Amino acid sequence: SISHFADGEIAVKVNETVRGRDVFLIQPTSNPVNESLMEALIIIDALK
């Protein structure tokens, strides 16, 4: 689940277990570039 707080901050929730799994995240940094990049970083942090 990917949503936003009222001020635009990105909120991420991984809705299934990834413990011990090899995970692939598909996320090009296309327009909006900064939003896409930040989203990728936050999802990576959530998975870690």
ModelCIF file with pLDDT and N, C-alpha, C, O atoms, coordinates in Angstrom:
data_MODEL
#
_entry.id   MODEL 
#
_entity.id                         1 
_entity.type                       polymer 
_entity.pdbx_number_of_molecules   1 
#
_entity_poly.entity_id                      1 
_entity_poly.type                           'polypeptide(L)' 
_entity_poly.nstd_linkage                   no 
_entity_poly.nstd_monomer                   no 
_entity_poly.pdbx_seq_one_letter_code       SISHFADGEIAVKVNETVRGRDVFLIQPTSNPVNESLMEALIIIDALK 
_entity_poly.pdbx_seq_one_letter_code_can   SISHFADGEIAVKVNETVRGRDVFLIQPTSNPVNESLMEALIIIDALK 
_entity_poly.pdbx_strand_id                 A 
#
loop_
_entity_poly_seq.entity_id 
_entity_poly_seq.num 
_entity_poly_seq.mon_id 
_entity_poly_seq.hetero 
1 1  SER n 
1 2  ILE n 
1 3  SER n 
1 4  HIS n 
1 5  PHE n 
1 6  ALA n 
1 7  ASP n 
1 8  GLY n 
1 9  GLU n 
1 10 ILE n 
1 11 ALA n 
1 12 VAL n 
1 13 LYS n 
1 14 VAL n 
1 15 ASN n 
1 16 GLU n 
1 17 THR n 
1 18 VAL n 
1 19 ARG n 
1 20 GLY n 
1 21 ARG n 
1 22 ASP n 
1 23 VAL n 
1 24 PHE n 
1 25 LEU n 
1 26 ILE n 
1 27 GLN n 
1 28 PRO n 
1 29 THR n 
1 30 SER n 
1 31 ASN n 
1 32 PRO n 
1 33 VAL n 
1 34 ASN n 
1 35 GLU n 
1 36 SER n 
1 37 LEU n 
1 38 MET n 
1 39 GLU n 
1 40 ALA n 
1 41 LEU n 
1 42 ILE n 
1 43 ILE n 
1 44 ILE n 
1 45 ASP n 
1 46 ALA n 
1 47 LEU n 
1 48 LYS n 
#
_struct_asym.id          A 
_struct_asym.entity_id   1 
#
loop_
_ma_qa_metric.id 
_ma_qa_metric.mode 
_ma_qa_metric.name 
_ma_qa_metric.software_group_id 
_ma_qa_metric.type 
1 global pLDDT . pLDDT 
2 local  pLDDT . pLDDT 
#
_ma_qa_metric_global.metric_id      1 
_ma_qa_metric_global.metric_value   97.23 
_ma_qa_metric_global.model_id       1 
_ma_qa_metric_global.ordinal_id     1 
#
loop_
_ma_qa_metric_local.label_asym_id 
_ma_qa_metric_local.label_comp_id 
_ma_qa_metric_local.label_seq_id 
_ma_qa_metric_local.metric_id 
_ma_qa_metric_local.metric_value 
_ma_qa_metric_local.model_id 
_ma_qa_metric_local.ordinal_id 
A SER 1  2 98.00 1 1  
A ILE 2  2 98.00 1 2  
A SER 3  2 97.00 1 3  
A HIS 4  2 97.00 1 4  
A PHE 5  2 97.00 1 5  
A ALA 6  2 97.00 1 6  
A ASP 7  2 97.00 1 7  
A GLY 8  2 96.00 1 8  
A GLU 9  2 97.00 1 9  
A ILE 10 2 98.00 1 10 
A ALA 11 2 98.00 1 11 
A VAL 12 2 98.00 1 12 
A LYS 13 2 98.00 1 13 
A VAL 14 2 98.00 1 14 
A ASN 15 2 98.00 1 15 
A GLU 16 2 97.00 1 16 
A THR 17 2 97.00 1 17 
A VAL 18 2 97.00 1 18 
A ARG 19 2 97.00 1 19 
A GLY 20 2 96.00 1 20 
A ARG 21 2 96.00 1 21 
A ASP 22 2 97.00 1 22 
A VAL 23 2 98.00 1 23 
A PHE 24 2 98.00 1 24 
A LEU 25 2 98.00 1 25 
A ILE 26 2 98.00 1 26 
A GLN 27 2 98.00 1 27 
A PRO 28 2 98.00 1 28 
A THR 29 2 96.00 1 29 
A SER 30 2 92.00 1 30 
A ASN 31 2 93.00 1 31 
A PRO 32 2 95.00 1 32 
A VAL 33 2 96.00 1 33 
A ASN 34 2 97.00 1 34 
A GLU 35 2 97.00 1 35 
A SER 36 2 98.00 1 36 
A LEU 37 2 98.00 1 37 
A MET 38 2 98.00 1 38 
A GLU 39 2 98.00 1 39 
A ALA 40 2 98.00 1 40 
A LEU 41 2 98.00 1 41 
A ILE 42 2 98.00 1 42 
A ILE 43 2 98.00 1 43 
A ILE 44 2 98.00 1 44 
A ASP 45 2 98.00 1 45 
A ALA 46 2 98.00 1 46 
A LEU 47 2 98.00 1 47 
A LYS 48 2 98.00 1 48 
#
loop_
_atom_site.group_PDB 
_atom_site.id 
_atom_site.type_symbol 
_atom_site.label_atom_id 
_atom_site.label_alt_id 
_atom_site.label_comp_id 
_atom_site.label_asym_id 
_atom_site.label_entity_id 
_atom_site.label_seq_id 
_atom_site.pdbx_PDB_ins_code 
_atom_site.Cartn_x 
_atom_site.Cartn_y 
_atom_site.Cartn_z 
_atom_site.occupancy 
_atom_site.B_iso_or_equiv 
_atom_site.pdbx_formal_charge 
_atom_site.auth_seq_id 
_atom_site.auth_comp_id 
_atom_site.auth_asym_id 
_atom_site.auth_atom_id 
_atom_site.pdbx_PDB_model_num 
ATOM 1   N N  . SER A 1 1  ? 0.855  -1.195  0.000   1.00 98.00 ? 1  SER A N  1 
ATOM 2   C CA . SER A 1 1  ? 0.000  0.000   0.000   1.00 98.00 ? 1  SER A CA 1 
ATOM 3   C C  . SER A 1 1  ? 0.884  1.236   0.000   1.00 98.00 ? 1  SER A C  1 
ATOM 4   O O  . SER A 1 1  ? 1.797  1.361   0.816   1.00 98.00 ? 1  SER A O  1 
ATOM 5   N N  . ILE A 1 2  ? 0.603  2.149   -0.926  1.00 98.00 ? 2  ILE A N  1 
ATOM 6   C CA . ILE A 1 2  ? 1.364  3.403   -1.024  1.00 98.00 ? 2  ILE A CA 1 
ATOM 7   C C  . ILE A 1 2  ? 0.366  4.551   -1.012  1.00 98.00 ? 2  ILE A C  1 
ATOM 8   O O  . ILE A 1 2  ? -0.505 4.639   -1.878  1.00 98.00 ? 2  ILE A O  1 
ATOM 9   N N  . SER A 1 3  ? 0.498  5.421   -0.032  1.00 97.00 ? 3  SER A N  1 
ATOM 10  C CA . SER A 1 3  ? -0.416 6.555   0.103   1.00 97.00 ? 3  SER A CA 1 
ATOM 11  C C  . SER A 1 3  ? 0.381  7.784   0.519   1.00 97.00 ? 3  SER A C  1 
ATOM 12  O O  . SER A 1 3  ? 1.610  7.746   0.583   1.00 97.00 ? 3  SER A O  1 
ATOM 13  N N  . HIS A 1 4  ? -0.324 8.870   0.799   1.00 97.00 ? 4  HIS A N  1 
ATOM 14  C CA . HIS A 1 4  ? 0.342  10.115  1.178   1.00 97.00 ? 4  HIS A CA 1 
ATOM 15  C C  . HIS A 1 4  ? -0.320 10.732  2.404   1.00 97.00 ? 4  HIS A C  1 
ATOM 16  O O  . HIS A 1 4  ? -1.538 10.675  2.574   1.00 97.00 ? 4  HIS A O  1 
ATOM 17  N N  . PHE A 1 5  ? 0.511  11.316  3.244   1.00 97.00 ? 5  PHE A N  1 
ATOM 18  C CA . PHE A 1 5  ? -0.010 12.130  4.324   1.00 97.00 ? 5  PHE A CA 1 
ATOM 19  C C  . PHE A 1 5  ? -0.529 13.445  3.736   1.00 97.00 ? 5  PHE A C  1 
ATOM 20  O O  . PHE A 1 5  ? -0.306 13.745  2.563   1.00 97.00 ? 5  PHE A O  1 
ATOM 21  N N  . ALA A 1 6  ? -1.215 14.211  4.559   1.00 97.00 ? 6  ALA A N  1 
ATOM 22  C CA . ALA A 1 6  ? -1.821 15.454  4.079   1.00 97.00 ? 6  ALA A CA 1 
ATOM 23  C C  . ALA A 1 6  ? -0.790 16.434  3.515   1.00 97.00 ? 6  ALA A C  1 
ATOM 24  O O  . ALA A 1 6  ? -1.101 17.214  2.615   1.00 97.00 ? 6  ALA A O  1 
ATOM 25  N N  . ASP A 1 7  ? 0.432  16.394  4.042   1.00 97.00 ? 7  ASP A N  1 
ATOM 26  C CA . ASP A 1 7  ? 1.461  17.324  3.568   1.00 97.00 ? 7  ASP A CA 1 
ATOM 27  C C  . ASP A 1 7  ? 2.252  16.785  2.382   1.00 97.00 ? 7  ASP A C  1 
ATOM 28  O O  . ASP A 1 7  ? 3.194  17.434  1.928   1.00 97.00 ? 7  ASP A O  1 
ATOM 29  N N  . GLY A 1 8  ? 1.886  15.614  1.873   1.00 96.00 ? 8  GLY A N  1 
ATOM 30  C CA . GLY A 1 8  ? 2.546  15.053  0.700   1.00 96.00 ? 8  GLY A CA 1 
ATOM 31  C C  . GLY A 1 8  ? 3.569  13.994  0.994   1.00 96.00 ? 8  GLY A C  1 
ATOM 32  O O  . GLY A 1 8  ? 4.079  13.370  0.063   1.00 96.00 ? 8  GLY A O  1 
ATOM 33  N N  . GLU A 1 9  ? 3.903  13.755  2.278   1.00 97.00 ? 9  GLU A N  1 
ATOM 34  C CA . GLU A 1 9  ? 4.858  12.702  2.612   1.00 97.00 ? 9  GLU A CA 1 
ATOM 35  C C  . GLU A 1 9  ? 4.321  11.334  2.178   1.00 97.00 ? 9  GLU A C  1 
ATOM 36  O O  . GLU A 1 9  ? 3.119  11.076  2.237   1.00 97.00 ? 9  GLU A O  1 
ATOM 37  N N  . ILE A 1 10 ? 5.241  10.464  1.740   1.00 98.00 ? 10 ILE A N  1 
ATOM 38  C CA . ILE A 1 10 ? 4.858  9.146   1.234   1.00 98.00 ? 10 ILE A CA 1 
ATOM 39  C C  . ILE A 1 10 ? 4.753  8.162   2.390   1.00 98.00 ? 10 ILE A C  1 
ATOM 40  O O  . ILE A 1 10 ? 5.650  8.071   3.228   1.00 98.00 ? 10 ILE A O  1 
ATOM 41  N N  . ALA A 1 11 ? 3.645  7.428   2.423   1.00 98.00 ? 11 ALA A N  1 
ATOM 42  C CA . ALA A 1 11 ? 3.438  6.384   3.430   1.00 98.00 ? 11 ALA A CA 1 
ATOM 43  C C  . ALA A 1 11 ? 3.396  5.030   2.738   1.00 98.00 ? 11 ALA A C  1 
ATOM 44  O O  . ALA A 1 11 ? 2.688  4.857   1.746   1.00 98.00 ? 11 ALA A O  1 
ATOM 45  N N  . VAL A 1 12 ? 4.157  4.069   3.262   1.00 98.00 ? 12 VAL A N  1 
ATOM 46  C CA . VAL A 1 12 ? 4.262  2.739   2.641   1.00 98.00 ? 12 VAL A CA 1 
ATOM 47  C C  . VAL A 1 12 ? 3.948  1.665   3.662   1.00 98.00 ? 12 VAL A C  1 
ATOM 48  O O  . VAL A 1 12 ? 4.369  1.758   4.815   1.00 98.00 ? 12 VAL A O  1 
ATOM 49  N N  . LYS A 1 13 ? 3.208  0.642   3.245   1.00 98.00 ? 13 LYS A N  1 
ATOM 50  C CA . LYS A 1 13 ? 2.933  -0.524  4.090   1.00 98.00 ? 13 LYS A CA 1 
ATOM 51  C C  . LYS A 1 13 ? 3.028  -1.779  3.231   1.00 98.00 ? 13 LYS A C  1 
ATOM 52  O O  . LYS A 1 13 ? 2.259  -1.953  2.285   1.00 98.00 ? 13 LYS A O  1 
ATOM 53  N N  . VAL A 1 14 ? 3.983  -2.658  3.568   1.00 98.00 ? 14 VAL A N  1 
ATOM 54  C CA . VAL A 1 14 ? 4.098  -3.941  2.876   1.00 98.00 ? 14 VAL A CA 1 
ATOM 55  C C  . VAL A 1 14 ? 3.088  -4.885  3.499   1.00 98.00 ? 14 VAL A C  1 
ATOM 56  O O  . VAL A 1 14 ? 3.135  -5.150  4.700   1.00 98.00 ? 14 VAL A O  1 
ATOM 57  N N  . ASN A 1 15 ? 2.167  -5.397  2.679   1.00 98.00 ? 15 ASN A N  1 
ATOM 58  C CA . ASN A 1 15 ? 1.014  -6.132  3.199   1.00 98.00 ? 15 ASN A CA 1 
ATOM 59  C C  . ASN A 1 15 ? 1.172  -7.655  3.180   1.00 98.00 ? 15 ASN A C  1 
ATOM 60  O O  . ASN A 1 15 ? 0.176  -8.378  3.230   1.00 98.00 ? 15 ASN A O  1 
ATOM 61  N N  . GLU A 1 16 ? 2.401  -8.144  3.108   1.00 97.00 ? 16 GLU A N  1 
ATOM 62  C CA . GLU A 1 16 ? 2.650  -9.583  3.203   1.00 97.00 ? 16 GLU A CA 1 
ATOM 63  C C  . GLU A 1 16 ? 4.073  -9.795  3.712   1.00 97.00 ? 16 GLU A C  1 
ATOM 64  O O  . GLU A 1 16 ? 4.917  -8.905  3.608   1.00 97.00 ? 16 GLU A O  1 
ATOM 65  N N  . THR A 1 17 ? 4.324  -10.954 4.249   1.00 97.00 ? 17 THR A N  1 
ATOM 66  C CA . THR A 1 17 ? 5.636  -11.206 4.833   1.00 97.00 ? 17 THR A CA 1 
ATOM 67  C C  . THR A 1 17 ? 6.719  -11.302 3.764   1.00 97.00 ? 17 THR A C  1 
ATOM 68  O O  . THR A 1 17 ? 6.520  -11.890 2.701   1.00 97.00 ? 17 THR A O  1 
ATOM 69  N N  . VAL A 1 18 ? 7.862  -10.715 4.072   1.00 97.00 ? 18 VAL A N  1 
ATOM 70  C CA . VAL A 1 18 ? 9.020  -10.814 3.190   1.00 97.00 ? 18 VAL A CA 1 
ATOM 71  C C  . VAL A 1 18 ? 10.231 -11.336 3.968   1.00 97.00 ? 18 VAL A C  1 
ATOM 72  O O  . VAL A 1 18 ? 11.349 -11.337 3.453   1.00 97.00 ? 18 VAL A O  1 
ATOM 73  N N  . ARG A 1 19 ? 10.010 -11.771 5.189   1.00 97.00 ? 19 ARG A N  1 
ATOM 74  C CA . ARG A 1 19 ? 11.110 -12.235 6.031   1.00 97.00 ? 19 ARG A CA 1 
ATOM 75  C C  . ARG A 1 19 ? 11.864 -13.390 5.358   1.00 97.00 ? 19 ARG A C  1 
ATOM 76  O O  . ARG A 1 19 ? 11.286 -14.429 5.039   1.00 97.00 ? 19 ARG A O  1 
ATOM 77  N N  . GLY A 1 20 ? 13.158 -13.179 5.153   1.00 96.00 ? 20 GLY A N  1 
ATOM 78  C CA . GLY A 1 20 ? 14.000 -14.206 4.553   1.00 96.00 ? 20 GLY A CA 1 
ATOM 79  C C  . GLY A 1 20 ? 13.825 -14.368 3.053   1.00 96.00 ? 20 GLY A C  1 
ATOM 80  O O  . GLY A 1 20 ? 14.445 -15.252 2.461   1.00 96.00 ? 20 GLY A O  1 
ATOM 81  N N  . ARG A 1 21 ? 13.000 -13.543 2.419   1.00 96.00 ? 21 ARG A N  1 
ATOM 82  C CA . ARG A 1 21 ? 12.755 -13.666 0.973   1.00 96.00 ? 21 ARG A CA 1 
ATOM 83  C C  . ARG A 1 21 ? 13.741 -12.811 0.173   1.00 96.00 ? 21 ARG A C  1 
ATOM 84  O O  . ARG A 1 21 ? 14.274 -11.818 0.668   1.00 96.00 ? 21 ARG A O  1 
ATOM 85  N N  . ASP A 1 22 ? 13.965 -13.222 -1.068  1.00 97.00 ? 22 ASP A N  1 
ATOM 86  C CA . ASP A 1 22 ? 14.663 -12.372 -2.034  1.00 97.00 ? 22 ASP A CA 1 
ATOM 87  C C  . ASP A 1 22 ? 13.595 -11.527 -2.724  1.00 97.00 ? 22 ASP A C  1 
ATOM 88  O O  . ASP A 1 22 ? 12.660 -12.053 -3.328  1.00 97.00 ? 22 ASP A O  1 
ATOM 89  N N  . VAL A 1 23 ? 13.752 -10.223 -2.623  1.00 98.00 ? 23 VAL A N  1 
ATOM 90  C CA . VAL A 1 23 ? 12.712 -9.305  -3.083  1.00 98.00 ? 23 VAL A CA 1 
ATOM 91  C C  . VAL A 1 23 ? 13.220 -8.471  -4.252  1.00 98.00 ? 23 VAL A C  1 
ATOM 92  O O  . VAL A 1 23 ? 14.360 -8.005  -4.247  1.00 98.00 ? 23 VAL A O  1 
ATOM 93  N N  . PHE A 1 24 ? 12.365 -8.288  -5.252  1.00 98.00 ? 24 PHE A N  1 
ATOM 94  C CA . PHE A 1 24 ? 12.665 -7.412  -6.389  1.00 98.00 ? 24 PHE A CA 1 
ATOM 95  C C  . PHE A 1 24 ? 11.654 -6.278  -6.404  1.00 98.00 ? 24 PHE A C  1 
ATOM 96  O O  . PHE A 1 24 ? 10.446 -6.516  -6.405  1.00 98.00 ? 24 PHE A O  1 
ATOM 97  N N  . LEU A 1 25 ? 12.144 -5.051  -6.415  1.00 98.00 ? 25 LEU A N  1 
ATOM 98  C CA . LEU A 1 25 ? 11.291 -3.870  -6.470  1.00 98.00 ? 25 LEU A CA 1 
ATOM 99  C C  . LEU A 1 25 ? 11.424 -3.227  -7.845  1.00 98.00 ? 25 LEU A C  1 
ATOM 100 O O  . LEU A 1 25 ? 12.520 -2.830  -8.242  1.00 98.00 ? 25 LEU A O  1 
ATOM 101 N N  . ILE A 1 26 ? 10.315 -3.123  -8.574  1.00 98.00 ? 26 ILE A N  1 
ATOM 102 C CA . ILE A 1 26 ? 10.304 -2.489  -9.898  1.00 98.00 ? 26 ILE A CA 1 
ATOM 103 C C  . ILE A 1 26 ? 9.916  -1.027  -9.724  1.00 98.00 ? 26 ILE A C  1 
ATOM 104 O O  . ILE A 1 26 ? 8.788  -0.730  -9.331  1.00 98.00 ? 26 ILE A O  1 
ATOM 105 N N  . GLN A 1 27 ? 10.843 -0.107  -10.012 1.00 98.00 ? 27 GLN A N  1 
ATOM 106 C CA . GLN A 1 27 ? 10.535 1.306   -9.822  1.00 98.00 ? 27 GLN A CA 1 
ATOM 107 C C  . GLN A 1 27 ? 11.496 2.192   -10.612 1.00 98.00 ? 27 GLN A C  1 
ATOM 108 O O  . GLN A 1 27 ? 12.546 2.570   -10.094 1.00 98.00 ? 27 GLN A O  1 
ATOM 109 N N  . PRO A 1 28 ? 11.151 2.533   -11.868 1.00 98.00 ? 28 PRO A N  1 
ATOM 110 C CA . PRO A 1 28 ? 11.958 3.521   -12.591 1.00 98.00 ? 28 PRO A CA 1 
ATOM 111 C C  . PRO A 1 28 ? 11.725 4.914   -12.017 1.00 98.00 ? 28 PRO A C  1 
ATOM 112 O O  . PRO A 1 28 ? 10.667 5.190   -11.452 1.00 98.00 ? 28 PRO A O  1 
ATOM 113 N N  . THR A 1 29 ? 12.716 5.787   -12.162 1.00 96.00 ? 29 THR A N  1 
ATOM 114 C CA . THR A 1 29 ? 12.556 7.144   -11.631 1.00 96.00 ? 29 THR A CA 1 
ATOM 115 C C  . THR A 1 29 ? 12.009 8.072   -12.711 1.00 96.00 ? 29 THR A C  1 
ATOM 116 O O  . THR A 1 29 ? 12.642 9.063   -13.075 1.00 96.00 ? 29 THR A O  1 
ATOM 117 N N  . SER A 1 30 ? 10.828 7.735   -13.215 1.00 92.00 ? 30 SER A N  1 
ATOM 118 C CA . SER A 1 30 ? 10.199 8.557   -14.242 1.00 92.00 ? 30 SER A CA 1 
ATOM 119 C C  . SER A 1 30 ? 9.373  9.664   -13.589 1.00 92.00 ? 30 SER A C  1 
ATOM 120 O O  . SER A 1 30 ? 9.213  9.695   -12.369 1.00 92.00 ? 30 SER A O  1 
ATOM 121 N N  . ASN A 1 31 ? 8.860  10.556  -14.400 1.00 93.00 ? 31 ASN A N  1 
ATOM 122 C CA . ASN A 1 31 ? 8.115  11.717  -13.933 1.00 93.00 ? 31 ASN A CA 1 
ATOM 123 C C  . ASN A 1 31 ? 6.892  11.316  -13.082 1.00 93.00 ? 31 ASN A C  1 
ATOM 124 O O  . ASN A 1 31 ? 6.088  10.487  -13.508 1.00 93.00 ? 31 ASN A O  1 
ATOM 125 N N  . PRO A 1 32 ? 6.755  11.903  -11.883 1.00 95.00 ? 32 PRO A N  1 
ATOM 126 C CA . PRO A 1 32 ? 7.605  12.902  -11.221 1.00 95.00 ? 32 PRO A CA 1 
ATOM 127 C C  . PRO A 1 32 ? 8.853  12.257  -10.631 1.00 95.00 ? 32 PRO A C  1 
ATOM 128 O O  . PRO A 1 32 ? 8.759  11.374  -9.779  1.00 95.00 ? 32 PRO A O  1 
ATOM 129 N N  . VAL A 1 33 ? 10.023 12.701  -11.089 1.00 96.00 ? 33 VAL A N  1 
ATOM 130 C CA . VAL A 1 33 ? 11.281 12.030  -10.781 1.00 96.00 ? 33 VAL A CA 1 
ATOM 131 C C  . VAL A 1 33 ? 11.542 11.967  -9.276  1.00 96.00 ? 33 VAL A C  1 
ATOM 132 O O  . VAL A 1 33 ? 11.848 10.903  -8.739  1.00 96.00 ? 33 VAL A O  1 
ATOM 133 N N  . ASN A 1 34 ? 11.424 13.086  -8.615  1.00 97.00 ? 34 ASN A N  1 
ATOM 134 C CA . ASN A 1 34 ? 11.749 13.117  -7.182  1.00 97.00 ? 34 ASN A CA 1 
ATOM 135 C C  . ASN A 1 34 ? 10.794 12.244  -6.375  1.00 97.00 ? 34 ASN A C  1 
ATOM 136 O O  . ASN A 1 34 ? 11.208 11.564  -5.436  1.00 97.00 ? 34 ASN A O  1 
ATOM 137 N N  . GLU A 1 35 ? 9.522  12.265  -6.743  1.00 97.00 ? 35 GLU A N  1 
ATOM 138 C CA . GLU A 1 35 ? 8.520  11.440  -6.074  1.00 97.00 ? 35 GLU A CA 1 
ATOM 139 C C  . GLU A 1 35 ? 8.836  9.955   -6.281  1.00 97.00 ? 35 GLU A C  1 
ATOM 140 O O  . GLU A 1 35 ? 8.774  9.169   -5.336  1.00 97.00 ? 35 GLU A O  1 
ATOM 141 N N  . SER A 1 36 ? 9.173  9.575   -7.511  1.00 98.00 ? 36 SER A N  1 
ATOM 142 C CA . SER A 1 36 ? 9.469  8.172   -7.819  1.00 98.00 ? 36 SER A CA 1 
ATOM 143 C C  . SER A 1 36 ? 10.717 7.693   -7.092  1.00 98.00 ? 36 SER A C  1 
ATOM 144 O O  . SER A 1 36 ? 10.753 6.575   -6.579  1.00 98.00 ? 36 SER A O  1 
ATOM 145 N N  . LEU A 1 37 ? 11.739 8.543   -7.051  1.00 98.00 ? 37 LEU A N  1 
ATOM 146 C CA . LEU A 1 37 ? 12.969 8.175   -6.364  1.00 98.00 ? 37 LEU A CA 1 
ATOM 147 C C  . LEU A 1 37 ? 12.732 8.019   -4.864  1.00 98.00 ? 37 LEU A C  1 
ATOM 148 O O  . LEU A 1 37 ? 13.164 7.037   -4.261  1.00 98.00 ? 37 LEU A O  1 
ATOM 149 N N  . MET A 1 38 ? 12.050 8.985   -4.268  1.00 98.00 ? 38 MET A N  1 
ATOM 150 C CA . MET A 1 38 ? 11.796 8.927   -2.829  1.00 98.00 ? 38 MET A CA 1 
ATOM 151 C C  . MET A 1 38 ? 10.928 7.730   -2.478  1.00 98.00 ? 38 MET A C  1 
ATOM 152 O O  . MET A 1 38 ? 11.125 7.099   -1.439  1.00 98.00 ? 38 MET A O  1 
ATOM 153 N N  . GLU A 1 39 ? 9.975  7.417   -3.336  1.00 98.00 ? 39 GLU A N  1 
ATOM 154 C CA . GLU A 1 39 ? 9.114  6.254   -3.124  1.00 98.00 ? 39 GLU A CA 1 
ATOM 155 C C  . GLU A 1 39 ? 9.935  4.970   -3.119  1.00 98.00 ? 39 GLU A C  1 
ATOM 156 O O  . GLU A 1 39 ? 9.716  4.090   -2.287  1.00 98.00 ? 39 GLU A O  1 
ATOM 157 N N  . ALA A 1 40 ? 10.887 4.866   -4.057  1.00 98.00 ? 40 ALA A N  1 
ATOM 158 C CA . ALA A 1 40 ? 11.753 3.689   -4.113  1.00 98.00 ? 40 ALA A CA 1 
ATOM 159 C C  . ALA A 1 40 ? 12.562 3.545   -2.826  1.00 98.00 ? 40 ALA A C  1 
ATOM 160 O O  . ALA A 1 40 ? 12.677 2.448   -2.278  1.00 98.00 ? 40 ALA A O  1 
ATOM 161 N N  . LEU A 1 41 ? 13.118 4.646   -2.350  1.00 98.00 ? 41 LEU A N  1 
ATOM 162 C CA . LEU A 1 41 ? 13.940 4.607   -1.138  1.00 98.00 ? 41 LEU A CA 1 
ATOM 163 C C  . LEU A 1 41 ? 13.119 4.189   0.079   1.00 98.00 ? 41 LEU A C  1 
ATOM 164 O O  . LEU A 1 41 ? 13.585 3.415   0.915   1.00 98.00 ? 41 LEU A O  1 
ATOM 165 N N  . ILE A 1 42 ? 11.905 4.701   0.170   1.00 98.00 ? 42 ILE A N  1 
ATOM 166 C CA . ILE A 1 42 ? 11.058 4.381   1.321   1.00 98.00 ? 42 ILE A CA 1 
ATOM 167 C C  . ILE A 1 42 ? 10.623 2.918   1.280   1.00 98.00 ? 42 ILE A C  1 
ATOM 168 O O  . ILE A 1 42 ? 10.579 2.254   2.316   1.00 98.00 ? 42 ILE A O  1 
ATOM 169 N N  . ILE A 1 43 ? 10.300 2.411   0.086   1.00 98.00 ? 43 ILE A N  1 
ATOM 170 C CA . ILE A 1 43 ? 9.917  0.996   -0.027  1.00 98.00 ? 43 ILE A CA 1 
ATOM 171 C C  . ILE A 1 43 ? 11.095 0.095   0.327   1.00 98.00 ? 43 ILE A C  1 
ATOM 172 O O  . ILE A 1 43 ? 10.924 -0.914  1.010   1.00 98.00 ? 43 ILE A O  1 
ATOM 173 N N  . ILE A 1 44 ? 12.289 0.456   -0.137  1.00 98.00 ? 44 ILE A N  1 
ATOM 174 C CA . ILE A 1 44 ? 13.482 -0.321  0.210   1.00 98.00 ? 44 ILE A CA 1 
ATOM 175 C C  . ILE A 1 44 ? 13.665 -0.357  1.729   1.00 98.00 ? 44 ILE A C  1 
ATOM 176 O O  . ILE A 1 44 ? 13.952 -1.409  2.301   1.00 98.00 ? 44 ILE A O  1 
ATOM 177 N N  . ASP A 1 45 ? 13.497 0.790   2.370   1.00 98.00 ? 45 ASP A N  1 
ATOM 178 C CA . ASP A 1 45 ? 13.642 0.851   3.828   1.00 98.00 ? 45 ASP A CA 1 
ATOM 179 C C  . ASP A 1 45 ? 12.606 -0.040  4.511   1.00 98.00 ? 45 ASP A C  1 
ATOM 180 O O  . ASP A 1 45 ? 12.918 -0.734  5.479   1.00 98.00 ? 45 ASP A O  1 
ATOM 181 N N  . ALA A 1 46 ? 11.372 -0.017  4.002   1.00 98.00 ? 46 ALA A N  1 
ATOM 182 C CA . ALA A 1 46 ? 10.313 -0.854  4.578   1.00 98.00 ? 46 ALA A CA 1 
ATOM 183 C C  . ALA A 1 46 ? 10.653 -2.335  4.435   1.00 98.00 ? 46 ALA A C  1 
ATOM 184 O O  . ALA A 1 46 ? 10.450 -3.114  5.366   1.00 98.00 ? 46 ALA A O  1 
ATOM 185 N N  . LEU A 1 47 ? 11.169 -2.722  3.274   1.00 98.00 ? 47 LEU A N  1 
ATOM 186 C CA . LEU A 1 47 ? 11.539 -4.119  3.035   1.00 98.00 ? 47 LEU A CA 1 
ATOM 187 C C  . LEU A 1 47 ? 12.701 -4.544  3.918   1.00 98.00 ? 47 LEU A C  1 
ATOM 188 O O  . LEU A 1 47 ? 12.720 -5.655  4.448   1.00 98.00 ? 47 LEU A O  1 
ATOM 189 N N  . LYS A 1 48 ? 13.673 -3.647  4.071   1.00 98.00 ? 48 LYS A N  1 
ATOM 190 C CA . LYS A 1 48 ? 14.832 -3.949  4.922   1.00 98.00 ? 48 LYS A CA 1 
ATOM 191 C C  . LYS A 1 48 ? 14.385 -4.172  6.368   1.00 98.00 ? 48 LYS A C  1 
ATOM 192 O O  . LYS A 1 48 ? 15.215 -4.437  7.237   1.00 98.00 ? 48 LYS A O  1 
#
